[in-house]
């Protein structure tokens, strides 16, 4: 493991999705799942999210579209929170999910709206 990339990734991951989520992910990891936590922290967050080519807002919008298209609701809620933390507005999230509905199908769009509404409610928005 590249400790420098891991540390960078841990910092970015905490800033985007929050300490509580990251702590729960790491605390819940065991011998089987810890290598996945290390991989996602080092390469996803420490390498790709740290690249200068896109800002965090752009990366968040891309993630919302891709995760919605892949129908991964458990990850989508986390990334809706992260997008809001990165300055993406509710209106921009709405537009992203409308586009998902057209290009990926109504079930993906409807499910994404449902998840976003729940996150907004939980966050008091």
Protein backbone atom coordinates (compact mmCIF):
# COMPACT_ATOMS: atom_id res chain seq x y z
CA UNK A 1 0.00 0.00 0.00
CA UNK A 2 1.18 3.50 -0.83
CA UNK A 3 0.80 5.26 2.52
CA UNK A 4 1.01 8.75 1.03
CA UNK A 5 -1.85 8.08 -1.41
CA UNK A 6 -3.86 6.40 1.36
CA UNK A 7 -3.42 9.39 3.68
CA UNK A 8 -4.36 11.83 0.91
CA UNK A 9 -7.36 9.66 0.06
CA UNK A 10 -8.47 9.43 3.67
CA UNK A 11 -8.38 13.22 3.97
CA UNK A 12 -10.38 13.76 0.77
CA UNK A 13 -12.81 10.95 1.57
CA UNK A 14 -13.53 12.50 4.98
CA UNK A 15 -14.01 15.96 3.45
CA UNK A 16 -16.45 14.71 0.83
CA UNK A 17 -18.56 12.05 2.54
CA UNK A 18 -17.93 12.93 6.18
CA UNK A 19 -16.12 11.50 9.16
CA UNK A 20 -19.08 9.43 10.39
CA UNK A 21 -19.40 7.54 7.10
CA UNK A 22 -15.65 6.94 6.77
CA UNK A 23 -15.28 5.91 10.42
CA UNK A 24 -18.18 3.45 10.09
CA UNK A 25 -16.71 2.00 6.88
CA UNK A 26 -13.28 1.49 8.42
CA UNK A 27 -14.57 0.34 11.80
CA UNK A 28 -16.89 -2.18 10.14
CA UNK A 29 -14.09 -3.65 8.03
CA UNK A 30 -12.64 -7.00 8.96
CA UNK A 31 -9.76 -9.06 7.61
CA UNK A 32 -11.82 -9.88 4.53
CA UNK A 33 -13.09 -6.38 3.70
CA UNK A 34 -10.25 -4.13 4.88
CA UNK A 35 -8.27 -4.61 1.64
CA UNK A 36 -11.27 -3.14 -0.23
CA UNK A 37 -11.37 -0.15 2.14
CA UNK A 38 -7.66 0.38 1.58
CA UNK A 39 -8.08 0.08 -2.19
CA UNK A 40 -10.96 2.54 -2.42
CA UNK A 41 -9.26 5.01 -0.09
CA UNK A 42 -5.89 4.85 -1.83
CA UNK A 43 -6.86 4.70 -5.49
CA UNK A 44 -10.35 6.17 -5.74
CA UNK A 45 -9.93 8.97 -3.22
CA UNK A 46 -6.15 9.37 -3.02
CA UNK A 47 -5.31 9.05 -6.68
CA UNK A 48 -8.32 9.92 -8.86
CA UNK A 49 -10.17 12.39 -6.61
CA UNK A 50 -6.86 14.19 -5.93
CA UNK A 51 -6.14 14.76 -9.62
CA UNK A 52 -6.22 18.42 -10.73
CA UNK A 53 -8.16 17.87 -13.98
CA UNK A 54 -11.65 18.22 -12.45
CA UNK A 55 -12.82 20.02 -9.34
CA UNK A 56 -14.82 18.21 -6.67
CA UNK A 57 -18.14 19.62 -7.88
CA UNK A 58 -17.58 18.15 -11.34
CA UNK A 59 -16.47 14.81 -9.91
CA UNK A 60 -19.56 14.73 -7.70
CA UNK A 61 -21.91 15.41 -10.61
CA UNK A 62 -20.23 12.69 -12.65
CA UNK A 63 -20.53 10.26 -9.74
CA UNK A 64 -24.23 11.01 -9.30
CA UNK A 65 -24.92 10.20 -12.93
CA UNK A 66 -22.79 7.07 -13.02
CA UNK A 67 -23.98 5.65 -9.70
CA UNK A 68 -27.62 6.37 -10.59
CA UNK A 69 -27.14 4.69 -13.98
CA UNK A 70 -25.62 1.65 -12.29
CA UNK A 71 -28.55 1.51 -9.84
CA UNK A 72 -26.45 1.50 -6.69
CA UNK A 73 -28.79 3.19 -4.18
CA UNK A 74 -26.61 2.49 -1.14
CA UNK A 75 -23.76 4.44 -2.73
CA UNK A 76 -26.01 7.07 -4.29
CA UNK A 77 -27.20 8.42 -0.94
CA UNK A 78 -23.61 8.81 0.22
CA UNK A 79 -22.67 10.65 -2.96
CA UNK A 80 -25.72 12.93 -2.84
CA UNK A 81 -24.45 14.05 0.59
CA UNK A 82 -20.94 14.36 -0.82
CA UNK A 83 -22.17 16.40 -3.79
CA UNK A 84 -23.93 18.82 -1.46
CA UNK A 85 -20.73 19.05 0.62
CA UNK A 86 -18.87 19.86 -2.61
CA UNK A 87 -21.19 22.75 -3.48
CA UNK A 88 -23.57 21.01 -5.88
CA UNK A 89 -27.03 22.51 -5.44
CA UNK A 90 -30.37 20.73 -5.10
CA UNK A 91 -31.34 22.19 -8.48
CA UNK A 92 -28.21 20.74 -10.10
CA UNK A 93 -28.90 17.35 -8.54
CA UNK A 94 -32.46 17.55 -9.87
CA UNK A 95 -31.16 18.31 -13.37
CA UNK A 96 -28.63 15.49 -13.20
CA UNK A 97 -31.31 12.97 -12.23
CA UNK A 98 -33.71 14.21 -14.92
CA UNK A 99 -30.95 13.52 -17.42
CA UNK A 100 -30.40 10.09 -15.86
CA UNK A 101 -34.10 9.34 -16.38
CA UNK A 102 -33.88 10.17 -20.08
CA UNK A 103 -30.61 8.41 -20.85
CA UNK A 104 -30.78 5.49 -18.42
CA UNK A 105 -34.50 4.93 -18.00
CA UNK A 106 -37.31 6.09 -15.79
CA UNK A 107 -36.70 3.52 -13.03
CA UNK A 108 -33.15 4.84 -12.56
CA UNK A 109 -34.37 8.43 -12.54
CA UNK A 110 -37.31 7.79 -10.22
CA UNK A 111 -35.14 5.84 -7.80
CA UNK A 112 -32.54 8.59 -7.79
CA UNK A 113 -35.14 11.25 -6.98
CA UNK A 114 -36.47 9.11 -4.13
CA UNK A 115 -33.00 8.71 -2.63
CA UNK A 116 -32.15 12.39 -3.04
CA UNK A 117 -35.41 13.46 -1.37
CA UNK A 118 -34.61 11.23 1.61
CA UNK A 119 -31.09 12.67 1.89
CA UNK A 120 -32.43 16.23 1.67
CA UNK A 121 -34.92 15.41 4.44
CA UNK A 122 -32.21 13.88 6.65
CA UNK A 123 -30.03 16.94 6.11
CA UNK A 124 -32.87 19.36 6.80
CA UNK A 125 -32.81 20.85 3.29
